[in-house]
Amino acid sequence: MAGISSDVIRGYNDTIILYLFMDGPSYGYEISKRIKQISDEKYIIKETTLYSAFTRMEKNGYIESFQDEAEVGGKKRTYYRITDLGRSYYQEKCEEWELTKDVIEKFIER
């Protein structure tokens, strides 16, 4: 079976990313690696998709960025963390998923 189409999962990238921030602050490469690992490599998020999501979610107030004091290869790493607004948005998206799943399952043959 092929991986998940980015079209199918696009609306839930924020949910996936926010879920991972619930454990604490992280940075792009680590988030990407965890998505791949947790999905058993069925979903590999593109770097451009990930950073577009970070930018959009930061603009909406769901996450905030900060620089790590320790430099990595001469460059400070940008970390992101979830905000209280982001936690509320995550809960809304989880509820929306339950509704979506209930509807779509009515149209899936098994």
PDB file of N, CA and C in Angstrom:
ATOM      1  N   MET A   1       0.849  -1.192   0.000  1.00  0.00           N
ATOM      2  CA  MET A   1       0.000   0.000   0.000  1.00  0.00           C
ATOM      3  C   MET A   1       0.885   1.243   0.000  1.00  0.00           C
ATOM      4  N   ALA A   2       0.516   2.210  -0.774  1.00  0.00           N
ATOM      5  CA  ALA A   2       1.262   3.470  -0.845  1.00  0.00           C
ATOM      6  C   ALA A   2       1.001   4.303   0.403  1.00  0.00           C
ATOM      7  N   GLY A   3       1.769   5.356   0.566  1.00  0.00           N
ATOM      8  CA  GLY A   3       1.574   6.264   1.690  1.00  0.00           C
ATOM      9  C   GLY A   3       0.282   7.042   1.529  1.00  0.00           C
ATOM     10  N   ILE A   4      -0.028   7.823   2.508  1.00  0.00           N
ATOM     11  CA  ILE A   4      -1.245   8.626   2.502  1.00  0.00           C
ATOM     12  C   ILE A   4      -1.067   9.825   1.575  1.00  0.00           C
ATOM     13  N   SER A   5      -2.048  10.068   0.761  1.00  0.00           N
ATOM     14  CA  SER A   5      -2.033  11.220  -0.136  1.00  0.00           C
ATOM     15  C   SER A   5      -2.052  12.507   0.686  1.00  0.00           C
ATOM     16  N   SER A   6      -1.223  13.462   0.278  1.00  0.00           N
ATOM     17  CA  SER A   6      -1.189  14.733   1.006  1.00  0.00           C
ATOM     18  C   SER A   6      -2.529  15.455   0.905  1.00  0.00           C
ATOM     19  N   ASP A   7      -3.284  15.230  -0.181  1.00  0.00           N
ATOM     20  CA  ASP A   7      -4.602  15.843  -0.324  1.00  0.00           C
ATOM     21  C   ASP A   7      -5.563  15.350   0.755  1.00  0.00           C
ATOM     22  N   VAL A   8      -5.469  14.068   1.073  1.00  0.00           N
ATOM     23  CA  VAL A   8      -6.377  13.472   2.054  1.00  0.00           C
ATOM     24  C   VAL A   8      -6.099  14.005   3.450  1.00  0.00           C
ATOM     25  N   ILE A   9      -4.854  14.167   3.786  1.00  0.00           N
ATOM     26  CA  ILE A   9      -4.476  14.500   5.158  1.00  0.00           C
ATOM     27  C   ILE A   9      -4.261  15.992   5.400  1.00  0.00           C
ATOM     28  N   ARG A  10      -4.230  16.783   4.348  1.00  0.00           N
ATOM     29  CA  ARG A  10      -3.892  18.211   4.449  1.00  0.00           C
ATOM     30  C   ARG A  10      -4.645  18.925   5.565  1.00  0.00           C
ATOM     31  N   GLY A  11      -5.932  18.697   5.684  1.00  0.00           N
ATOM     32  CA  GLY A  11      -6.731  19.381   6.697  1.00  0.00           C
ATOM     33  C   GLY A  11      -6.399  18.995   8.119  1.00  0.00           C
ATOM     34  N   TYR A  12      -5.588  17.964   8.275  1.00  0.00           N
ATOM     35  CA  TYR A  12      -5.261  17.500   9.628  1.00  0.00           C
ATOM     36  C   TYR A  12      -3.790  17.639   9.978  1.00  0.00           C
ATOM     37  N   ASN A  13      -3.026  18.305   9.119  1.00  0.00           N
ATOM     38  CA  ASN A  13      -1.620  18.548   9.444  1.00  0.00           C
ATOM     39  C   ASN A  13      -1.492  19.333  10.742  1.00  0.00           C
ATOM     40  N   ASP A  14      -2.319  20.359  10.922  1.00  0.00           N
ATOM     41  CA  ASP A  14      -2.243  21.162  12.146  1.00  0.00           C
ATOM     42  C   ASP A  14      -2.508  20.287  13.369  1.00  0.00           C
ATOM     43  N   THR A  15      -3.503  19.418  13.271  1.00  0.00           N
ATOM     44  CA  THR A  15      -3.851  18.543  14.390  1.00  0.00           C
ATOM     45  C   THR A  15      -2.668  17.641  14.744  1.00  0.00           C
ATOM     46  N   ILE A  16      -2.057  17.060  13.736  1.00  0.00           N
ATOM     47  CA  ILE A  16      -0.911  16.167  13.942  1.00  0.00           C
ATOM     48  C   ILE A  16       0.233  16.927  14.613  1.00  0.00           C
ATOM     49  N   ILE A  17       0.543  18.097  14.086  1.00  0.00           N
ATOM     50  CA  ILE A  17       1.659  18.891  14.608  1.00  0.00           C
ATOM     51  C   ILE A  17       1.366  19.349  16.040  1.00  0.00           C
ATOM     52  N   LEU A  18       0.161  19.856  16.280  1.00  0.00           N
ATOM     53  CA  LEU A  18      -0.188  20.316  17.627  1.00  0.00           C
ATOM     54  C   LEU A  18      -0.142  19.166  18.629  1.00  0.00           C
ATOM     55  N   TYR A  19      -0.562  17.986  18.210  1.00  0.00           N
ATOM     56  CA  TYR A  19      -0.490  16.805  19.078  1.00  0.00           C
ATOM     57  C   TYR A  19       0.951  16.586  19.549  1.00  0.00           C
ATOM     58  N   LEU A  20       1.884  16.711  18.629  1.00  0.00           N
ATOM     59  CA  LEU A  20       3.288  16.481  18.974  1.00  0.00           C
ATOM     60  C   LEU A  20       3.832  17.573  19.893  1.00  0.00           C
ATOM     61  N   PHE A  21       3.310  18.787  19.775  1.00  0.00           N
ATOM     62  CA  PHE A  21       3.742  19.867  20.674  1.00  0.00           C
ATOM     63  C   PHE A  21       3.169  19.720  22.081  1.00  0.00           C
ATOM     64  N   MET A  22       2.177  18.866  22.259  1.00  0.00           N
ATOM     65  CA  MET A  22       1.617  18.640  23.593  1.00  0.00           C
ATOM     66  C   MET A  22       2.689  18.073  24.533  1.00  0.00           C
ATOM     67  N   ASP A  23       3.657  17.370  23.980  1.00  0.00           N
ATOM     68  CA  ASP A  23       4.746  16.789  24.781  1.00  0.00           C
ATOM     69  C   ASP A  23       5.786  17.830  25.179  1.00  0.00           C
ATOM     70  N   GLY A  24       5.759  18.986  24.536  1.00  0.00           N
ATOM     71  CA  GLY A  24       6.726  20.026  24.843  1.00  0.00           C
ATOM     72  C   GLY A  24       7.268  20.640  23.564  1.00  0.00           C
ATOM     73  N   PRO A  25       8.102  21.674  23.705  1.00  0.00           N
ATOM     74  CA  PRO A  25       8.656  22.365  22.542  1.00  0.00           C
ATOM     75  C   PRO A  25       9.470  21.418  21.657  1.00  0.00           C
ATOM     76  N   SER A  26       9.507  21.730  20.374  1.00  0.00           N
ATOM     77  CA  SER A  26      10.287  20.936  19.431  1.00  0.00           C
ATOM     78  C   SER A  26      10.630  21.817  18.236  1.00  0.00           C
ATOM     79  N   TYR A  27      11.335  21.236  17.277  1.00  0.00           N
ATOM     80  CA  TYR A  27      11.746  21.969  16.081  1.00  0.00           C
ATOM     81  C   TYR A  27      11.384  21.145  14.854  1.00  0.00           C
ATOM     82  N   GLY A  28      11.471  21.772  13.696  1.00  0.00           N
ATOM     83  CA  GLY A  28      10.979  21.187  12.456  1.00  0.00           C
ATOM     84  C   GLY A  28      11.442  19.785  12.154  1.00  0.00           C
ATOM     85  N   TYR A  29      12.743  19.555  12.147  1.00  0.00           N
ATOM     86  CA  TYR A  29      13.249  18.236  11.771  1.00  0.00           C
ATOM     87  C   TYR A  29      12.743  17.158  12.734  1.00  0.00           C
ATOM     88  N   GLU A  30      12.725  17.459  14.011  1.00  0.00           N
ATOM     89  CA  GLU A  30      12.264  16.484  15.009  1.00  0.00           C
ATOM     90  C   GLU A  30      10.782  16.170  14.816  1.00  0.00           C
ATOM     91  N   ILE A  31       9.973  17.186  14.541  1.00  0.00           N
ATOM     92  CA  ILE A  31       8.535  16.979  14.299  1.00  0.00           C
ATOM     93  C   ILE A  31       8.342  16.091  13.069  1.00  0.00           C
ATOM     94  N   SER A  32       9.054  16.400  12.014  1.00  0.00           N
ATOM     95  CA  SER A  32       8.974  15.623  10.777  1.00  0.00           C
ATOM     96  C   SER A  32       9.349  14.160  11.028  1.00  0.00           C
ATOM     97  N   LYS A  33      10.412  13.953  11.776  1.00  0.00           N
ATOM     98  CA  LYS A  33      10.892  12.598  12.091  1.00  0.00           C
ATOM     99  C   LYS A  33       9.861  11.832  12.927  1.00  0.00           C
ATOM    100  N   ARG A  34       9.235  12.516  13.883  1.00  0.00           N
ATOM    101  CA  ARG A  34       8.246  11.860  14.739  1.00  0.00           C
ATOM    102  C   ARG A  34       6.980  11.502  13.965  1.00  0.00           C
ATOM    103  N   ILE A  35       6.561  12.365  13.038  1.00  0.00           N
ATOM    104  CA  ILE A  35       5.385  12.062  12.215  1.00  0.00           C
ATOM    105  C   ILE A  35       5.650  10.785  11.414  1.00  0.00           C
ATOM    106  N   LYS A  36       6.802  10.726  10.804  1.00  0.00           N
ATOM    107  CA  LYS A  36       7.187   9.553  10.009  1.00  0.00           C
ATOM    108  C   LYS A  36       7.204   8.297  10.885  1.00  0.00           C
ATOM    109  N   GLN A  37       7.792   8.421  12.071  1.00  0.00           N
ATOM    110  CA  GLN A  37       7.921   7.279  12.988  1.00  0.00           C
ATOM    111  C   GLN A  37       6.558   6.823  13.515  1.00  0.00           C
ATOM    112  N   ILE A  38       5.766   7.751  14.034  1.00  0.00           N
ATOM    113  CA  ILE A  38       4.471   7.401  14.632  1.00  0.00           C
ATOM    114  C   ILE A  38       3.513   6.831  13.592  1.00  0.00           C
ATOM    115  N   SER A  39       3.604   7.307  12.352  1.00  0.00           N
ATOM    116  CA  SER A  39       2.715   6.814  11.284  1.00  0.00           C
ATOM    117  C   SER A  39       3.255   5.542  10.628  1.00  0.00           C
ATOM    118  N   ASP A  40       4.301   4.977  11.195  1.00  0.00           N
ATOM    119  CA  ASP A  40       4.945   3.792  10.600  1.00  0.00           C
ATOM    120  C   ASP A  40       5.327   4.060   9.148  1.00  0.00           C
ATOM    121  N   GLU A  41       5.803   5.266   8.898  1.00  0.00           N
ATOM    122  CA  GLU A  41       6.256   5.716   7.581  1.00  0.00           C
ATOM    123  C   GLU A  41       5.150   5.752   6.527  1.00  0.00           C
ATOM    124  N   LYS A  42       3.888   5.762   6.965  1.00  0.00           N
ATOM    125  CA  LYS A  42       2.765   5.866   6.025  1.00  0.00           C
ATOM    126  C   LYS A  42       2.507   7.319   5.642  1.00  0.00           C
ATOM    127  N   TYR A  43       3.019   8.239   6.472  1.00  0.00           N
ATOM    128  CA  TYR A  43       2.882   9.660   6.142  1.00  0.00           C
ATOM    129  C   TYR A  43       4.213  10.351   6.399  1.00  0.00           C
ATOM    130  N   ILE A  44       4.737  10.931   5.353  1.00  0.00           N
ATOM    131  CA  ILE A  44       5.983  11.694   5.443  1.00  0.00           C
ATOM    132  C   ILE A  44       5.636  13.110   5.015  1.00  0.00           C
ATOM    133  N   ILE A  45       5.690  14.027   5.967  1.00  0.00           N
ATOM    134  CA  ILE A  45       5.309  15.415   5.689  1.00  0.00           C
ATOM    135  C   ILE A  45       6.463  16.120   4.979  1.00  0.00           C
ATOM    136  N   LYS A  46       6.126  16.857   3.939  1.00  0.00           N
ATOM    137  CA  LYS A  46       7.149  17.610   3.201  1.00  0.00           C
ATOM    138  C   LYS A  46       7.598  18.793   4.044  1.00  0.00           C
ATOM    139  N   GLU A  47       8.868  19.144   3.898  1.00  0.00           N
ATOM    140  CA  GLU A  47       9.432  20.252   4.670  1.00  0.00           C
ATOM    141  C   GLU A  47       8.662  21.554   4.413  1.00  0.00           C
ATOM    142  N   THR A  48       8.322  21.811   3.149  1.00  0.00           N
ATOM    143  CA  THR A  48       7.592  23.042   2.835  1.00  0.00           C
ATOM    144  C   THR A  48       6.214  23.053   3.492  1.00  0.00           C
ATOM    145  N   THR A  49       5.558  21.899   3.519  1.00  0.00           N
ATOM    146  CA  THR A  49       4.245  21.778   4.162  1.00  0.00           C
ATOM    147  C   THR A  49       4.369  22.043   5.659  1.00  0.00           C
ATOM    148  N   LEU A  50       5.393  21.472   6.270  1.00  0.00           N
ATOM    149  CA  LEU A  50       5.608  21.627   7.703  1.00  0.00           C
ATOM    150  C   LEU A  50       5.850  23.083   8.077  1.00  0.00           C
ATOM    151  N   TYR A  51       6.760  23.740   7.371  1.00  0.00           N
ATOM    152  CA  TYR A  51       7.087  25.122   7.720  1.00  0.00           C
ATOM    153  C   TYR A  51       5.965  26.090   7.350  1.00  0.00           C
ATOM    154  N   SER A  52       5.188  25.770   6.332  1.00  0.00           N
ATOM    155  CA  SER A  52       4.000  26.579   6.022  1.00  0.00           C
ATOM    156  C   SER A  52       2.994  26.466   7.169  1.00  0.00           C
ATOM    157  N   ALA A  53       2.846  25.254   7.699  1.00  0.00           N
ATOM    158  CA  ALA A  53       1.937  25.044   8.832  1.00  0.00           C
ATOM    159  C   ALA A  53       2.438  25.806  10.056  1.00  0.00           C
ATOM    160  N   PHE A  54       3.742  25.760  10.324  1.00  0.00           N
ATOM    161  CA  PHE A  54       4.302  26.505  11.456  1.00  0.00           C
ATOM    162  C   PHE A  54       3.986  27.995  11.310  1.00  0.00           C
ATOM    163  N   THR A  55       4.222  28.543  10.122  1.00  0.00           N
ATOM    164  CA  THR A  55       3.999  29.964   9.873  1.00  0.00           C
ATOM    165  C   THR A  55       2.525  30.322  10.078  1.00  0.00           C
ATOM    166  N   ARG A  56       1.627  29.529   9.512  1.00  0.00           N
ATOM    167  CA  ARG A  56       0.184  29.776   9.622  1.00  0.00           C
ATOM    168  C   ARG A  56      -0.270  29.663  11.084  1.00  0.00           C
ATOM    169  N   MET A  57       0.179  28.615  11.771  1.00  0.00           N
ATOM    170  CA  MET A  57      -0.265  28.417  13.152  1.00  0.00           C
ATOM    171  C   MET A  57       0.302  29.477  14.093  1.00  0.00           C
ATOM    172  N   GLU A  58       1.517  29.942  13.801  1.00  0.00           N
ATOM    173  CA  GLU A  58       2.082  31.009  14.630  1.00  0.00           C
ATOM    174  C   GLU A  58       1.299  32.311  14.402  1.00  0.00           C
ATOM    175  N   LYS A  59       0.974  32.589  13.154  1.00  0.00           N
ATOM    176  CA  LYS A  59       0.187  33.785  12.814  1.00  0.00           C
ATOM    177  C   LYS A  59      -1.182  33.745  13.503  1.00  0.00           C
ATOM    178  N   ASN A  60      -1.776  32.549  13.617  1.00  0.00           N
ATOM    179  CA  ASN A  60      -3.084  32.380  14.248  1.00  0.00           C
ATOM    180  C   ASN A  60      -3.012  32.299  15.777  1.00  0.00           C
ATOM    181  N   GLY A  61      -1.789  32.269  16.306  1.00  0.00           N
ATOM    182  CA  GLY A  61      -1.623  32.238  17.756  1.00  0.00           C
ATOM    183  C   GLY A  61      -1.684  30.857  18.378  1.00  0.00           C
ATOM    184  N   TYR A  62      -1.604  29.793  17.561  1.00  0.00           N
ATOM    185  CA  TYR A  62      -1.688  28.421  18.080  1.00  0.00           C
ATOM    186  C   TYR A  62      -0.343  27.914  18.597  1.00  0.00           C
ATOM    187  N   ILE A  63       0.739  28.452  18.041  1.00  0.00           N
ATOM    188  CA  ILE A  63       2.083  28.102  18.498  1.00  0.00           C
ATOM    189  C   ILE A  63       2.898  29.391  18.576  1.00  0.00           C
ATOM    190  N   GLU A  64       4.017  29.314  19.291  1.00  0.00           N
ATOM    191  CA  GLU A  64       4.948  30.437  19.319  1.00  0.00           C
ATOM    192  C   GLU A  64       6.356  29.893  19.132  1.00  0.00           C
ATOM    193  N   SER A  65       7.187  30.696  18.513  1.00  0.00           N
ATOM    194  CA  SER A  65       8.560  30.258  18.248  1.00  0.00           C
ATOM    195  C   SER A  65       9.513  30.958  19.194  1.00  0.00           C
ATOM    196  N   PHE A  66      10.661  30.321  19.416  1.00  0.00           N
ATOM    197  CA  PHE A  66      11.722  30.922  20.206  1.00  0.00           C
ATOM    198  C   PHE A  66      13.040  30.300  19.765  1.00  0.00           C
ATOM    199  N   GLN A  67      14.115  31.024  20.014  1.00  0.00           N
ATOM    200  CA  GLN A  67      15.445  30.547  19.633  1.00  0.00           C
ATOM    201  C   GLN A  67      16.059  29.787  20.801  1.00  0.00           C
ATOM    202  N   ASP A  68      16.718  28.679  20.464  1.00  0.00           N
ATOM    203  CA  ASP A  68      17.451  27.929  21.477  1.00  0.00           C
ATOM    204  C   ASP A  68      18.760  28.668  21.739  1.00  0.00           C
ATOM    205  N   GLU A  69      19.146  28.712  22.980  1.00  0.00           N
ATOM    206  CA  GLU A  69      20.394  29.391  23.340  1.00  0.00           C
ATOM    207  C   GLU A  69      21.616  28.662  22.795  1.00  0.00           C
ATOM    208  N   ALA A  70      21.559  27.333  22.798  1.00  0.00           N
ATOM    209  CA  ALA A  70      22.692  26.548  22.287  1.00  0.00           C
ATOM    210  C   ALA A  70      22.692  26.612  20.769  1.00  0.00           C
ATOM    211  N   GLU A  71      23.810  26.964  20.221  1.00  0.00           N
ATOM    212  CA  GLU A  71      23.897  27.057  18.766  1.00  0.00           C
ATOM    213  C   GLU A  71      24.156  25.684  18.167  1.00  0.00           C
ATOM    214  N   VAL A  72      23.591  25.452  17.003  1.00  0.00           N
ATOM    215  CA  VAL A  72      23.778  24.199  16.273  1.00  0.00           C
ATOM    216  C   VAL A  72      24.512  24.548  14.992  1.00  0.00           C
ATOM    217  N   GLY A  73      25.739  24.119  14.903  1.00  0.00           N
ATOM    218  CA  GLY A  73      26.515  24.419  13.702  1.00  0.00           C
ATOM    219  C   GLY A  73      26.646  25.912  13.454  1.00  0.00           C
ATOM    220  N   GLY A  74      26.778  26.699  14.523  1.00  0.00           N
ATOM    221  CA  GLY A  74      26.939  28.138  14.376  1.00  0.00           C
ATOM    222  C   GLY A  74      25.637  28.890  14.177  1.00  0.00           C
ATOM    223  N   LYS A  75      24.520  28.197  14.223  1.00  0.00           N
ATOM    224  CA  LYS A  75      23.214  28.822  13.989  1.00  0.00           C
ATOM    225  C   LYS A  75      22.265  28.441  15.115  1.00  0.00           C
ATOM    226  N   LYS A  76      21.520  29.408  15.612  1.00  0.00           N
ATOM    227  CA  LYS A  76      20.544  29.099  16.659  1.00  0.00           C
ATOM    228  C   LYS A  76      19.357  28.372  16.035  1.00  0.00           C
ATOM    229  N   ARG A  77      18.893  27.344  16.724  1.00  0.00           N
ATOM    230  CA  ARG A  77      17.761  26.564  16.230  1.00  0.00           C
ATOM    231  C   ARG A  77      16.456  27.208  16.693  1.00  0.00           C
ATOM    232  N   THR A  78      15.463  27.244  15.804  1.00  0.00           N
ATOM    233  CA  THR A  78      14.141  27.764  16.150  1.00  0.00           C
ATOM    234  C   THR A  78      13.274  26.616  16.664  1.00  0.00           C
ATOM    235  N   TYR A  79      12.757  26.806  17.860  1.00  0.00           N
ATOM    236  CA  TYR A  79      11.838  25.852  18.466  1.00  0.00           C
ATOM    237  C   TYR A  79      10.445  26.453  18.443  1.00  0.00           C
ATOM    238  N   TYR A  80       9.458  25.586  18.563  1.00  0.00           N
ATOM    239  CA  TYR A  80       8.065  26.012  18.617  1.00  0.00           C
ATOM    240  C   TYR A  80       7.408  25.332  19.804  1.00  0.00           C
ATOM    241  N   ARG A  81       6.426  26.015  20.379  1.00  0.00           N
ATOM    242  CA  ARG A  81       5.648  25.423  21.467  1.00  0.00           C
ATOM    243  C   ARG A  81       4.187  25.805  21.287  1.00  0.00           C
ATOM    244  N   ILE A  82       3.312  24.963  21.794  1.00  0.00           N
ATOM    245  CA  ILE A  82       1.871  25.185  21.684  1.00  0.00           C
ATOM    246  C   ILE A  82       1.439  26.238  22.710  1.00  0.00           C
ATOM    247  N   THR A  83       0.447  27.031  22.346  1.00  0.00           N
ATOM    248  CA  THR A  83      -0.126  28.039  23.248  1.00  0.00           C
ATOM    249  C   THR A  83      -1.454  27.512  23.794  1.00  0.00           C
ATOM    250  N   ASP A  84      -2.033  28.226  24.739  1.00  0.00           N
ATOM    251  CA  ASP A  84      -3.356  27.835  25.250  1.00  0.00           C
ATOM    252  C   ASP A  84      -4.395  27.866  24.131  1.00  0.00           C
ATOM    253  N   LEU A  85      -4.296  28.864  23.251  1.00  0.00           N
ATOM    254  CA  LEU A  85      -5.209  28.945  22.104  1.00  0.00           C
ATOM    255  C   LEU A  85      -5.003  27.729  21.195  1.00  0.00           C
ATOM    256  N   GLY A  86      -3.762  27.304  21.042  1.00  0.00           N
ATOM    257  CA  GLY A  86      -3.447  26.123  20.241  1.00  0.00           C
ATOM    258  C   GLY A  86      -4.039  24.855  20.836  1.00  0.00           C
ATOM    259  N   ARG A  87      -4.026  24.766  22.166  1.00  0.00           N
ATOM    260  CA  ARG A  87      -4.625  23.597  22.842  1.00  0.00           C
ATOM    261  C   ARG A  87      -6.130  23.549  22.594  1.00  0.00           C
ATOM    262  N   SER A  88      -6.776  24.713  22.644  1.00  0.00           N
ATOM    263  CA  SER A  88      -8.225  24.783  22.372  1.00  0.00           C
ATOM    264  C   SER A  88      -8.516  24.404  20.922  1.00  0.00           C
ATOM    265  N   TYR A  89      -7.707  24.927  20.003  1.00  0.00           N
ATOM    266  CA  TYR A  89      -7.875  24.616  18.584  1.00  0.00           C
ATOM    267  C   TYR A  89      -7.682  23.119  18.338  1.00  0.00           C
ATOM    268  N   TYR A  90      -6.686  22.534  19.002  1.00  0.00           N
ATOM    269  CA  TYR A  90      -6.436  21.089  18.876  1.00  0.00           C
ATOM    270  C   TYR A  90      -7.682  20.298  19.303  1.00  0.00           C
ATOM    271  N   GLN A  91      -8.294  20.684  20.426  1.00  0.00           N
ATOM    272  CA  GLN A  91      -9.494  19.988  20.899  1.00  0.00           C
ATOM    273  C   GLN A  91     -10.639  20.116  19.889  1.00  0.00           C
ATOM    274  N   GLU A  92     -10.792  21.310  19.300  1.00  0.00           N
ATOM    275  CA  GLU A  92     -11.823  21.513  18.269  1.00  0.00           C
ATOM    276  C   GLU A  92     -11.581  20.590  17.079  1.00  0.00           C
ATOM    277  N   LYS A  93     -10.320  20.495  16.642  1.00  0.00           N
ATOM    278  CA  LYS A  93      -9.980  19.651  15.491  1.00  0.00           C
ATOM    279  C   LYS A  93     -10.218  18.174  15.810  1.00  0.00           C
ATOM    280  N   CYS A  94      -9.983  17.757  17.044  1.00  0.00           N
ATOM    281  CA  CYS A  94     -10.248  16.364  17.437  1.00  0.00           C
ATOM    282  C   CYS A  94     -11.746  16.064  17.373  1.00  0.00           C
ATOM    283  N   GLU A  95     -12.544  17.010  17.842  1.00  0.00           N
ATOM    284  CA  GLU A  95     -14.006  16.841  17.780  1.00  0.00           C
ATOM    285  C   GLU A  95     -14.475  16.813  16.324  1.00  0.00           C
ATOM    286  N   GLU A  96     -13.905  17.698  15.506  1.00  0.00           N
ATOM    287  CA  GLU A  96     -14.243  17.733  14.083  1.00  0.00           C
ATOM    288  C   GLU A  96     -13.880  16.399  13.426  1.00  0.00           C
ATOM    289  N   TRP A  97     -12.742  15.816  13.797  1.00  0.00           N
ATOM    290  CA  TRP A  97     -12.312  14.541  13.231  1.00  0.00           C
ATOM    291  C   TRP A  97     -13.316  13.444  13.555  1.00  0.00           C
ATOM    292  N   GLU A  98     -13.799  13.404  14.785  1.00  0.00           N
ATOM    293  CA  GLU A  98     -14.772  12.378  15.174  1.00  0.00           C
ATOM    294  C   GLU A  98     -16.016  12.474  14.304  1.00  0.00           C
ATOM    295  N   LEU A  99     -16.488  13.685  14.067  1.00  0.00           N
ATOM    296  CA  LEU A  99     -17.652  13.910  13.215  1.00  0.00           C
ATOM    297  C   LEU A  99     -17.360  13.483  11.778  1.00  0.00           C
ATOM    298  N   THR A 100     -16.199  13.899  11.264  1.00  0.00           N
ATOM    299  CA  THR A 100     -15.789  13.560   9.896  1.00  0.00           C
ATOM    300  C   THR A 100     -15.707  12.050   9.728  1.00  0.00           C
ATOM    301  N   LYS A 101     -15.058  11.401  10.686  1.00  0.00           N
ATOM    302  CA  LYS A 101     -14.897   9.951  10.639  1.00  0.00           C
ATOM    303  C   LYS A 101     -16.255   9.252  10.626  1.00  0.00           C
ATOM    304  N   ASP A 102     -17.185   9.716  11.466  1.00  0.00           N
ATOM    305  CA  ASP A 102     -18.526   9.126  11.511  1.00  0.00           C
ATOM    306  C   ASP A 102     -19.221   9.227  10.158  1.00  0.00           C
ATOM    307  N   VAL A 103     -19.082  10.367   9.495  1.00  0.00           N
ATOM    308  CA  VAL A 103     -19.729  10.564   8.196  1.00  0.00           C
ATOM    309  C   VAL A 103     -19.057   9.705   7.133  1.00  0.00           C
ATOM    310  N   ILE A 104     -17.753   9.777   7.009  1.00  0.00           N
ATOM    311  CA  ILE A 104     -17.029   9.060   5.955  1.00  0.00           C
ATOM    312  C   ILE A 104     -17.192   7.551   6.088  1.00  0.00           C
ATOM    313  N   GLU A 105     -17.196   7.043   7.323  1.00  0.00           N
ATOM    314  CA  GLU A 105     -17.352   5.595   7.524  1.00  0.00           C
ATOM    315  C   GLU A 105     -18.675   5.072   6.972  1.00  0.00           C
ATOM    316  N   LYS A 106     -19.657   5.921   6.858  1.00  0.00           N
ATOM    317  CA  LYS A 106     -20.958   5.502   6.310  1.00  0.00           C
ATOM    318  C   LYS A 106     -20.854   5.223   4.800  1.00  0.00           C
ATOM    319  N   PHE A 107     -19.778   5.700   4.187  1.00  0.00           N
ATOM    320  CA  PHE A 107     -19.602   5.549   2.749  1.00  0.00           C
ATOM    321  C   PHE A 107     -18.457   4.625   2.378  1.00  0.00           C
ATOM    322  N   ILE A 108     -17.904   3.916   3.334  1.00  0.00           N
ATOM    323  CA  ILE A 108     -16.773   3.020   3.091  1.00  0.00           C
ATOM    324  C   ILE A 108     -17.254   1.574   3.127  1.00  0.00           C
ATOM    325  N   GLU A 109     -16.985   0.859   2.043  1.00  0.00           N
ATOM    326  CA  GLU A 109     -17.316  -0.561   2.015  1.00  0.00           C
ATOM    327  C   GLU A 109     -16.202  -1.333   2.682  1.00  0.00           C
ATOM    328  N   ARG A 110     -16.567  -2.334   3.412  1.00  0.00           N
ATOM    329  CA  ARG A 110     -15.544  -3.171   4.081  1.00  0.00           C
ATOM    330  C   ARG A 110     -15.671  -4.589   3.632  1.00  0.00           C
TER     331      ARG A 110
END
